[in-house]
Every structure is written in C-alpha cells, then in structure tokens.
PDB file of N, CA and C in Angstrom:
ATOM      1  N   UNK A   1      47.000  -6.347  15.237  1.00  0.00           N
ATOM      2  CA  UNK A   1      48.211  -5.423  15.033  1.00  0.00           C
ATOM      3  C   UNK A   1      47.833  -3.956  15.215  1.00  0.00           C
ATOM      4  N   UNK A   2      48.562  -3.209  16.171  1.00  0.00           N
ATOM      5  CA  UNK A   2      48.326  -2.098  16.283  1.00  0.00           C
ATOM      6  C   UNK A   2      49.173  -1.149  15.296  1.00  0.00           C
ATOM      7  N   UNK A   3      48.660  -0.421  14.476  1.00  0.00           N
ATOM      8  CA  UNK A   3      49.540   0.667  13.538  1.00  0.00           C
ATOM      9  C   UNK A   3      49.206   2.090  13.973  1.00  0.00           C
ATOM     10  N   UNK A   4      50.025   2.715  14.265  1.00  0.00           N
ATOM     11  CA  UNK A   4      49.905   4.318  14.714  1.00  0.00           C
ATOM     12  C   UNK A   4      51.058   5.198  14.060  1.00  0.00           C
ATOM     13  N   UNK A   5      50.611   6.418  13.658  1.00  0.00           N
ATOM     14  CA  UNK A   5      51.605   7.182  13.106  1.00  0.00           C
ATOM     15  C   UNK A   5      52.441   8.002  14.469  1.00  0.00           C
ATOM     16  N   UNK A   6      52.001   7.656  15.624  1.00  0.00           N
ATOM     17  CA  UNK A   6      52.725   8.468  16.811  1.00  0.00           C
ATOM     18  C   UNK A   6      53.171   7.435  17.732  1.00  0.00           C
ATOM     19  N   UNK A   7      53.582   7.876  19.122  1.00  0.00           N
ATOM     20  CA  UNK A   7      53.944   6.890  20.019  1.00  0.00           C
ATOM     21  C   UNK A   7      52.631   6.473  20.777  1.00  0.00           C
ATOM     22  N   UNK A   8      52.686   5.361  21.585  1.00  0.00           N
ATOM     23  CA  UNK A   8      51.744   4.831  22.424  1.00  0.00           C
ATOM     24  C   UNK A   8      52.221   5.023  23.932  1.00  0.00           C
ATOM     25  N   UNK A   9      51.238   5.362  24.546  1.00  0.00           N
ATOM     26  CA  UNK A   9      51.390   5.373  26.072  1.00  0.00           C
ATOM     27  C   UNK A   9      51.278   3.977  26.617  1.00  0.00           C
ATOM     28  N   UNK A  10      52.274   3.034  26.395  1.00  0.00           N
ATOM     29  CA  UNK A  10      52.315   1.779  26.689  1.00  0.00           C
ATOM     30  C   UNK A  10      53.732   1.223  26.973  1.00  0.00           C
ATOM     31  N   UNK A  11      54.198   0.623  28.014  1.00  0.00           N
ATOM     32  CA  UNK A  11      55.421  -0.070  27.973  1.00  0.00           C
ATOM     33  C   UNK A  11      55.888  -0.826  27.009  1.00  0.00           C
ATOM     34  N   UNK A  12      56.918  -0.367  26.127  1.00  0.00           N
ATOM     35  CA  UNK A  12      57.217  -1.578  25.058  1.00  0.00           C
ATOM     36  C   UNK A  12      58.745  -1.805  24.904  1.00  0.00           C
ATOM     37  N   UNK A  13      58.898  -2.717  24.112  1.00  0.00           N
ATOM     38  CA  UNK A  13      60.267  -3.146  24.035  1.00  0.00           C
ATOM     39  C   UNK A  13      60.341  -3.001  22.340  1.00  0.00           C
ATOM     40  N   UNK A  14      61.307  -2.251  22.118  1.00  0.00           N
ATOM     41  CA  UNK A  14      61.680  -2.034  20.895  1.00  0.00           C
ATOM     42  C   UNK A  14      62.334  -3.266  19.968  1.00  0.00           C
ATOM     43  N   UNK A  15      61.491  -3.747  18.753  1.00  0.00           N
ATOM     44  CA  UNK A  15      62.232  -4.627  18.223  1.00  0.00           C
ATOM     45  C   UNK A  15      63.026  -4.280  16.904  1.00  0.00           C
ATOM     46  N   UNK A  16      62.619  -3.523  16.441  1.00  0.00           N
ATOM     47  CA  UNK A  16      63.533  -2.983  15.219  1.00  0.00           C
ATOM     48  C   UNK A  16      62.627  -2.058  14.052  1.00  0.00           C
ATOM     49  N   UNK A  17      63.212  -1.639  13.035  1.00  0.00           N
ATOM     50  CA  UNK A  17      62.692  -0.751  12.115  1.00  0.00           C
ATOM     51  C   UNK A  17      62.002  -1.748  11.115  1.00  0.00           C
ATOM     52  N   UNK A  18      60.621  -1.564  10.587  1.00  0.00           N
ATOM     53  CA  UNK A  18      60.200  -2.343   9.422  1.00  0.00           C
ATOM     54  C   UNK A  18      60.020  -1.274   8.433  1.00  0.00           C
ATOM     55  N   UNK A  19      60.052  -1.758   7.242  1.00  0.00           N
ATOM     56  CA  UNK A  19      59.835  -0.748   5.766  1.00  0.00           C
ATOM     57  C   UNK A  19      59.293  -1.684   4.822  1.00  0.00           C
ATOM     58  N   UNK A  20      58.344  -1.005   4.019  1.00  0.00           N
ATOM     59  CA  UNK A  20      57.624  -1.792   3.087  1.00  0.00           C
ATOM     60  C   UNK A  20      57.259  -0.869   1.912  1.00  0.00           C
ATOM     61  N   UNK A  21      56.945  -1.187   0.859  1.00  0.00           N
ATOM     62  CA  UNK A  21      56.423  -0.622  -0.120  1.00  0.00           C
ATOM     63  C   UNK A  21      55.062  -1.019  -0.742  1.00  0.00           C
ATOM     64  N   UNK A  22      54.293  -0.347  -1.161  1.00  0.00           N
ATOM     65  CA  UNK A  22      52.973  -0.668  -1.722  1.00  0.00           C
ATOM     66  C   UNK A  22      52.840   0.035  -3.037  1.00  0.00           C
ATOM     67  N   UNK A  23      52.182  -0.496  -4.007  1.00  0.00           N
ATOM     68  CA  UNK A  23      52.103   0.156  -5.326  1.00  0.00           C
ATOM     69  C   UNK A  23      50.619  -0.023  -5.795  1.00  0.00           C
ATOM     70  N   UNK A  24      50.011   0.805  -6.623  1.00  0.00           N
ATOM     71  CA  UNK A  24      48.780   0.545  -7.567  1.00  0.00           C
ATOM     72  C   UNK A  24      49.358   1.014  -8.840  1.00  0.00           C
ATOM     73  N   UNK A  25      49.104   0.116  -9.836  1.00  0.00           N
ATOM     74  CA  UNK A  25      49.521   0.249 -11.210  1.00  0.00           C
ATOM     75  C   UNK A  25      48.025   0.743 -11.757  1.00  0.00           C
ATOM     76  N   UNK A  26      48.124   1.407 -12.874  1.00  0.00           N
ATOM     77  CA  UNK A  26      46.914   1.697 -13.628  1.00  0.00           C
ATOM     78  C   UNK A  26      46.511   0.476 -14.466  1.00  0.00           C
ATOM     79  N   UNK A  27      45.081   0.317 -14.545  1.00  0.00           N
ATOM     80  CA  UNK A  27      44.522  -1.100 -15.063  1.00  0.00           C
ATOM     81  C   UNK A  27      44.730  -0.869 -16.747  1.00  0.00           C
ATOM     82  N   UNK A  28      45.189  -1.786 -17.459  1.00  0.00           N
ATOM     83  CA  UNK A  28      45.237  -1.606 -18.878  1.00  0.00           C
ATOM     84  C   UNK A  28      46.301  -0.384 -19.011  1.00  0.00           C
ATOM     85  N   UNK A  29      45.837   0.551 -20.133  1.00  0.00           N
ATOM     86  CA  UNK A  29      46.573   1.895 -20.374  1.00  0.00           C
ATOM     87  C   UNK A  29      45.748   3.157 -19.924  1.00  0.00           C
ATOM     88  N   UNK A  30      44.864   2.697 -19.147  1.00  0.00           N
ATOM     89  CA  UNK A  30      44.426   4.075 -18.360  1.00  0.00           C
ATOM     90  C   UNK A  30      44.847   4.744 -17.448  1.00  0.00           C
ATOM     91  N   UNK A  31      44.536   5.921 -17.076  1.00  0.00           N
ATOM     92  CA  UNK A  31      45.027   6.685 -16.055  1.00  0.00           C
ATOM     93  C   UNK A  31      44.549   6.383 -14.649  1.00  0.00           C
ATOM     94  N   UNK A  32      43.666   5.639 -14.551  1.00  0.00           N
ATOM     95  CA  UNK A  32      42.888   5.191 -13.112  1.00  0.00           C
ATOM     96  C   UNK A  32      44.105   4.361 -12.304  1.00  0.00           C
ATOM     97  N   UNK A  33      44.093   4.781 -11.053  1.00  0.00           N
ATOM     98  CA  UNK A  33      45.052   4.294 -10.116  1.00  0.00           C
ATOM     99  C   UNK A  33      44.257   4.348  -8.807  1.00  0.00           C
ATOM    100  N   UNK A  34      44.539   3.440  -7.778  1.00  0.00           N
ATOM    101  CA  UNK A  34      43.814   3.136  -6.778  1.00  0.00           C
ATOM    102  C   UNK A  34      44.856   3.402  -5.633  1.00  0.00           C
ATOM    103  N   UNK A  35      44.940   4.639  -5.227  1.00  0.00           N
ATOM    104  CA  UNK A  35      45.759   5.209  -4.197  1.00  0.00           C
ATOM    105  C   UNK A  35      45.566   4.670  -2.860  1.00  0.00           C
ATOM    106  N   UNK A  36      44.568   4.188  -2.310  1.00  0.00           N
ATOM    107  CA  UNK A  36      43.903   3.659  -1.303  1.00  0.00           C
ATOM    108  C   UNK A  36      44.660   2.329  -1.007  1.00  0.00           C
ATOM    109  N   UNK A  37      44.420   1.545  -2.405  1.00  0.00           N
ATOM    110  CA  UNK A  37      44.994   0.203  -2.449  1.00  0.00           C
ATOM    111  C   UNK A  37      46.772   0.237  -2.063  1.00  0.00           C
ATOM    112  N   UNK A  38      47.229   1.074  -2.599  1.00  0.00           N
ATOM    113  CA  UNK A  38      48.735   1.495  -2.420  1.00  0.00           C
ATOM    114  C   UNK A  38      49.109   1.430  -1.007  1.00  0.00           C
ATOM    115  N   UNK A  39      48.294   2.215  -0.151  1.00  0.00           N
ATOM    116  CA  UNK A  39      48.586   2.361   1.106  1.00  0.00           C
ATOM    117  C   UNK A  39      48.233   0.764   1.722  1.00  0.00           C
ATOM    118  N   UNK A  40      46.904   0.495   1.850  1.00  0.00           N
ATOM    119  CA  UNK A  40      46.759  -0.765   2.144  1.00  0.00           C
ATOM    120  C   UNK A  40      47.903  -1.898   1.805  1.00  0.00           C
ATOM    121  N   UNK A  41      48.207  -1.781   0.830  1.00  0.00           N
ATOM    122  CA  UNK A  41      49.428  -2.939   0.383  1.00  0.00           C
ATOM    123  C   UNK A  41      50.439  -2.483   1.280  1.00  0.00           C
ATOM    124  N   UNK A  42      50.981  -1.617   1.396  1.00  0.00           N
ATOM    125  CA  UNK A  42      52.095  -1.057   2.235  1.00  0.00           C
ATOM    126  C   UNK A  42      51.874  -1.479   3.729  1.00  0.00           C
ATOM    127  N   UNK A  43      50.766  -1.136   4.202  1.00  0.00           N
ATOM    128  CA  UNK A  43      50.331  -1.484   5.799  1.00  0.00           C
ATOM    129  C   UNK A  43      50.271  -2.961   5.778  1.00  0.00           C
ATOM    130  N   UNK A  44      49.883  -3.620   4.768  1.00  0.00           N
ATOM    131  CA  UNK A  44      49.704  -5.297   4.953  1.00  0.00           C
ATOM    132  C   UNK A  44      51.313  -5.822   5.038  1.00  0.00           C
ATOM    133  N   UNK A  45      51.901  -5.139   4.314  1.00  0.00           N
ATOM    134  CA  UNK A  45      53.471  -5.795   4.473  1.00  0.00           C
ATOM    135  C   UNK A  45      54.013  -5.248   5.535  1.00  0.00           C
ATOM    136  N   UNK A  46      53.863  -4.021   6.024  1.00  0.00           N
ATOM    137  CA  UNK A  46      54.471  -3.811   7.536  1.00  0.00           C
ATOM    138  C   UNK A  46      53.945  -4.707   8.395  1.00  0.00           C
ATOM    139  N   UNK A  47      52.754  -4.856   8.413  1.00  0.00           N
ATOM    140  CA  UNK A  47      52.090  -5.969   9.579  1.00  0.00           C
ATOM    141  C   UNK A  47      52.724  -7.386   9.411  1.00  0.00           C
ATOM    142  N   UNK A  48      52.951  -7.882   7.970  1.00  0.00           N
ATOM    143  CA  UNK A  48      53.555  -9.005   7.991  1.00  0.00           C
ATOM    144  C   UNK A  48      54.909  -9.124   8.490  1.00  0.00           C
ATOM    145  N   UNK A  49      55.956  -8.182   8.305  1.00  0.00           N
ATOM    146  CA  UNK A  49      57.079  -8.002   8.639  1.00  0.00           C
ATOM    147  C   UNK A  49      57.235  -7.832  10.145  1.00  0.00           C
ATOM    148  N   UNK A  50      56.372  -7.065  10.881  1.00  0.00           N
ATOM    149  CA  UNK A  50      56.428  -7.146  12.084  1.00  0.00           C
ATOM    150  C   UNK A  50      56.118  -8.300  12.842  1.00  0.00           C
ATOM    151  N   UNK A  51      54.861  -9.042  12.039  1.00  0.00           N
ATOM    152  CA  UNK A  51      54.466 -10.331  12.860  1.00  0.00           C
ATOM    153  C   UNK A  51      55.576 -11.159  12.984  1.00  0.00           C
ATOM    154  N   UNK A  52      56.371 -11.253  11.879  1.00  0.00           N
ATOM    155  CA  UNK A  52      57.481 -12.169  11.838  1.00  0.00           C
ATOM    156  C   UNK A  52      58.540 -11.978  12.913  1.00  0.00           C
ATOM    157  N   UNK A  53      58.534 -10.607  13.493  1.00  0.00           N
ATOM    158  CA  UNK A  53      59.543 -10.119  14.806  1.00  0.00           C
ATOM    159  C   UNK A  53      58.607 -10.394  15.765  1.00  0.00           C
ATOM    160  N   UNK A  54      57.619 -11.024  16.031  1.00  0.00           N
ATOM    161  CA  UNK A  54      56.566 -11.256  17.264  1.00  0.00           C
ATOM    162  C   UNK A  54      56.277  -9.800  17.674  1.00  0.00           C
ATOM    163  N   UNK A  55      56.044  -8.930  16.854  1.00  0.00           N
ATOM    164  CA  UNK A  55      55.731  -7.594  17.414  1.00  0.00           C
ATOM    165  C   UNK A  55      54.069  -7.561  17.552  1.00  0.00           C
ATOM    166  N   UNK A  56      53.837  -6.591  18.673  1.00  0.00           N
ATOM    167  CA  UNK A  56      52.404  -6.385  18.940  1.00  0.00           C
ATOM    168  C   UNK A  56      51.865  -4.947  18.305  1.00  0.00           C
ATOM    169  N   UNK A  57      52.735  -4.135  17.892  1.00  0.00           N
ATOM    170  CA  UNK A  57      52.439  -2.779  17.133  1.00  0.00           C
ATOM    171  C   UNK A  57      53.526  -2.260  16.288  1.00  0.00           C
ATOM    172  N   UNK A  58      53.171  -1.414  15.771  1.00  0.00           N
ATOM    173  CA  UNK A  58      53.952  -0.645  14.766  1.00  0.00           C
ATOM    174  C   UNK A  58      53.880   0.756  14.903  1.00  0.00           C
ATOM    175  N   UNK A  59      54.904   1.510  15.610  1.00  0.00           N
ATOM    176  CA  UNK A  59      54.562   2.740  16.038  1.00  0.00           C
ATOM    177  C   UNK A  59      55.526   3.749  15.148  1.00  0.00           C
ATOM    178  N   UNK A  60      55.057   5.038  15.395  1.00  0.00           N
ATOM    179  CA  UNK A  60      55.755   6.231  14.658  1.00  0.00           C
ATOM    180  C   UNK A  60      55.782   5.922  13.059  1.00  0.00           C
ATOM    181  N   UNK A  61      54.773   5.533  12.759  1.00  0.00           N
ATOM    182  CA  UNK A  61      54.588   5.157  11.152  1.00  0.00           C
ATOM    183  C   UNK A  61      54.755   6.333  10.300  1.00  0.00           C
ATOM    184  N   UNK A  62      55.836   6.357   9.225  1.00  0.00           N
ATOM    185  CA  UNK A  62      55.792   7.350   8.255  1.00  0.00           C
ATOM    186  C   UNK A  62      55.412   6.835   6.803  1.00  0.00           C
ATOM    187  N   UNK A  63      54.880   7.741   6.168  1.00  0.00           N
ATOM    188  CA  UNK A  63      54.706   7.402   4.639  1.00  0.00           C
ATOM    189  C   UNK A  63      55.010   8.478   3.845  1.00  0.00           C
ATOM    190  N   UNK A  64      55.603   7.989   2.436  1.00  0.00           N
ATOM    191  CA  UNK A  64      55.963   8.899   1.430  1.00  0.00           C
ATOM    192  C   UNK A  64      55.583   8.241   0.221  1.00  0.00           C
ATOM    193  N   UNK A  65      54.877   9.101  -0.795  1.00  0.00           N
ATOM    194  CA  UNK A  65      54.417   8.709  -2.023  1.00  0.00           C
ATOM    195  C   UNK A  65      54.904   9.230  -3.161  1.00  0.00           C
ATOM    196  N   UNK A  66      54.926   8.766  -4.157  1.00  0.00           N
ATOM    197  CA  UNK A  66      55.119   9.313  -5.578  1.00  0.00           C
ATOM    198  C   UNK A  66      54.394   8.680  -6.563  1.00  0.00           C
ATOM    199  N   UNK A  67      54.326   9.492  -7.764  1.00  0.00           N
ATOM    200  CA  UNK A  67      53.730   8.825  -9.102  1.00  0.00           C
ATOM    201  C   UNK A  67      54.924   8.755  -9.930  1.00  0.00           C
ATOM    202  N   UNK A  68      54.751   7.563 -10.559  1.00  0.00           N
ATOM    203  CA  UNK A  68      55.770   7.194 -11.450  1.00  0.00           C
ATOM    204  C   UNK A  68      55.117   6.693 -12.823  1.00  0.00           C
ATOM    205  N   UNK A  69      55.850   6.574 -13.789  1.00  0.00           N
ATOM    206  CA  UNK A  69      55.463   6.264 -15.133  1.00  0.00           C
ATOM    207  C   UNK A  69      56.268   4.824 -15.441  1.00  0.00           C
ATOM    208  N   UNK A  70      55.527   3.854 -15.886  1.00  0.00           N
ATOM    209  CA  UNK A  70      56.400   2.455 -16.328  1.00  0.00           C
ATOM    210  C   UNK A  70      56.193   2.569 -17.840  1.00  0.00           C
ATOM    211  N   UNK A  71      57.273   2.203 -18.455  1.00  0.00           N
ATOM    212  CA  UNK A  71      57.193   1.902 -19.906  1.00  0.00           C
ATOM    213  C   UNK A  71      56.367   0.544 -20.618  1.00  0.00           C
ATOM    214  N   UNK A  72      55.757  -0.059 -19.730  1.00  0.00           N
ATOM    215  CA  UNK A  72      55.377  -1.208 -19.969  1.00  0.00           C
ATOM    216  C   UNK A  72      54.048  -1.336 -20.790  1.00  0.00           C
ATOM    217  N   UNK A  73      53.742  -0.140 -21.194  1.00  0.00           N
ATOM    218  CA  UNK A  73      52.287  -0.084 -21.990  1.00  0.00           C
ATOM    219  C   UNK A  73      52.589   0.836 -23.439  1.00  0.00           C
ATOM    220  N   UNK A  74      53.805   0.435 -23.838  1.00  0.00           N
ATOM    221  CA  UNK A  74      54.219   0.904 -25.256  1.00  0.00           C
ATOM    222  C   UNK A  74      54.602   2.390 -25.026  1.00  0.00           C
ATOM    223  N   UNK A  75      54.367   3.278 -25.969  1.00  0.00           N
ATOM    224  CA  UNK A  75      54.908   4.702 -25.810  1.00  0.00           C
ATOM    225  C   UNK A  75      54.290   5.492 -24.824  1.00  0.00           C
ATOM    226  N   UNK A  76      52.964   5.279 -24.572  1.00  0.00           N
ATOM    227  CA  UNK A  76      52.215   5.912 -23.472  1.00  0.00           C
ATOM    228  C   UNK A  76      52.732   5.786 -22.064  1.00  0.00           C
ATOM    229  N   UNK A  77      52.928   4.431 -21.676  1.00  0.00           N
ATOM    230  CA  UNK A  77      53.440   3.987 -20.157  1.00  0.00           C
ATOM    231  C   UNK A  77      52.307   4.095 -19.353  1.00  0.00           C
ATOM    232  N   UNK A  78      52.547   3.359 -18.250  1.00  0.00           N
ATOM    233  CA  UNK A  78      51.299   2.998 -17.266  1.00  0.00           C
ATOM    234  C   UNK A  78      51.640   4.049 -16.157  1.00  0.00           C
ATOM    235  N   UNK A  79      50.758   4.630 -15.653  1.00  0.00           N
ATOM    236  CA  UNK A  79      50.666   5.483 -14.175  1.00  0.00           C
ATOM    237  C   UNK A  79      50.790   4.498 -13.049  1.00  0.00           C
ATOM    238  N   UNK A  80      51.831   4.570 -12.264  1.00  0.00           N
ATOM    239  CA  UNK A  80      52.078   3.805 -10.943  1.00  0.00           C
ATOM    240  C   UNK A  80      52.386   4.748  -9.889  1.00  0.00           C
ATOM    241  N   UNK A  81      51.313   4.458  -8.662  1.00  0.00           N
ATOM    242  CA  UNK A  81      51.318   5.117  -7.541  1.00  0.00           C
ATOM    243  C   UNK A  81      52.041   4.351  -6.476  1.00  0.00           C
ATOM    244  N   UNK A  82      53.066   4.755  -5.924  1.00  0.00           N
ATOM    245  CA  UNK A  82      54.206   3.845  -4.934  1.00  0.00           C
ATOM    246  C   UNK A  82      53.807   4.651  -3.702  1.00  0.00           C
ATOM    247  N   UNK A  83      53.750   3.558  -2.482  1.00  0.00           N
ATOM    248  CA  UNK A  83      53.785   4.289  -1.113  1.00  0.00           C
ATOM    249  C   UNK A  83      54.835   3.702  -0.432  1.00  0.00           C
ATOM    250  N   UNK A  84      55.783   4.426   0.388  1.00  0.00           N
ATOM    251  CA  UNK A  84      56.830   3.777   1.077  1.00  0.00           C
ATOM    252  C   UNK A  84      56.496   3.846   2.449  1.00  0.00           C
ATOM    253  N   UNK A  85      56.490   2.970   3.361  1.00  0.00           N
ATOM    254  CA  UNK A  85      56.229   3.287   4.827  1.00  0.00           C
ATOM    255  C   UNK A  85      57.047   2.769   5.723  1.00  0.00           C
ATOM    256  N   UNK A  86      57.550   3.080   6.978  1.00  0.00           N
ATOM    257  CA  UNK A  86      58.210   2.659   7.811  1.00  0.00           C
ATOM    258  C   UNK A  86      57.874   3.070   9.149  1.00  0.00           C
ATOM    259  N   UNK A  87      58.502   2.279  10.037  1.00  0.00           N
ATOM    260  CA  UNK A  87      57.921   2.251  11.341  1.00  0.00           C
ATOM    261  C   UNK A  87      58.760   1.483  12.134  1.00  0.00           C
ATOM    262  N   UNK A  88      58.670   1.639  13.411  1.00  0.00           N
ATOM    263  CA  UNK A  88      59.262   0.994  14.673  1.00  0.00           C
ATOM    264  C   UNK A  88      58.264  -0.235  15.190  1.00  0.00           C
ATOM    265  N   UNK A  89      58.671  -1.451  14.901  1.00  0.00           N
ATOM    266  CA  UNK A  89      57.959  -2.555  15.527  1.00  0.00           C
ATOM    267  C   UNK A  89      58.269  -2.653  17.056  1.00  0.00           C
ATOM    268  N   UNK A  90      57.302  -2.823  17.691  1.00  0.00           N
ATOM    269  CA  UNK A  90      57.351  -2.872  19.287  1.00  0.00           C
ATOM    270  C   UNK A  90      56.446  -4.065  19.758  1.00  0.00           C
ATOM    271  N   UNK A  91      56.775  -4.666  20.986  1.00  0.00           N
ATOM    272  CA  UNK A  91      56.235  -5.643  21.697  1.00  0.00           C
ATOM    273  C   UNK A  91      55.865  -5.073  23.039  1.00  0.00           C
ATOM    274  N   UNK A  92      54.572  -5.306  23.632  1.00  0.00           N
ATOM    275  CA  UNK A  92      54.222  -4.687  24.747  1.00  0.00           C
ATOM    276  C   UNK A  92      54.770  -5.563  25.903  1.00  0.00           C
ATOM    277  N   UNK A  93      55.402  -4.878  26.857  1.00  0.00           N
ATOM    278  CA  UNK A  93      56.031  -5.439  28.078  1.00  0.00           C
ATOM    279  C   UNK A  93      54.959  -5.242  29.120  1.00  0.00           C
ATOM    280  N   UNK A  94      54.849  -6.638  29.893  1.00  0.00           N
ATOM    281  CA  UNK A  94      53.650  -6.906  30.844  1.00  0.00           C
ATOM    282  C   UNK A  94      54.312  -6.171  32.070  1.00  0.00           C
ATOM    283  N   UNK A  95      53.528  -5.484  32.901  1.00  0.00           N
ATOM    284  CA  UNK A  95      54.076  -5.017  34.444  1.00  0.00           C
ATOM    285  C   UNK A  95      53.561  -5.628  35.210  1.00  0.00           C
TER     286      UNK A  95
END
C-alpha cells in the first residue's frame, strides 16, 4: 500500500477519506514515550481501513499530534502522545 503526503502522478479513482489515531503511552509512570510508534500505529490503522475499501494507496496524508496526560497513574498521571492521521484512499485506474 502506497502512503504519501502529496498527490501522485497516476490516474486514480477516489474511494473516500480514511481517518486514524495512534498513541504511545508512557511505560509505568515514567515520562518515556515513543512518538515513532504512535505514527506507525496511525499509519497501520490507515492502511487497514484503506485495504477494507480495496484501495491501492492513500494520498495527501496529513498528521496532527498532541501531548496529553492521563490520570490513570495516580496524582502524577501518564504522558500520552497522540497522532491523528487522515488522507484520501484511492485505487489505480488501468488505462
């Protein structure tokens, strides 16, 4: 599955918008988070959704992220890095 943040120079059929979220939660009560894993989780979810639509690619992908704090670790809280990703699922058109 092709993932790109821009358009592609291929004839395609637009299938629809795909949206996903990935997150990385600090292990234990430490401040260590894995931002790369959060992006990978979001991309994997995008691919899963696009595959369900029989897409060949996701184009014009955008990302937004934020740091948050969860109260699940007592009064200190856990750090959470969230990634929101969206793009357009397309299928290549044979000419």
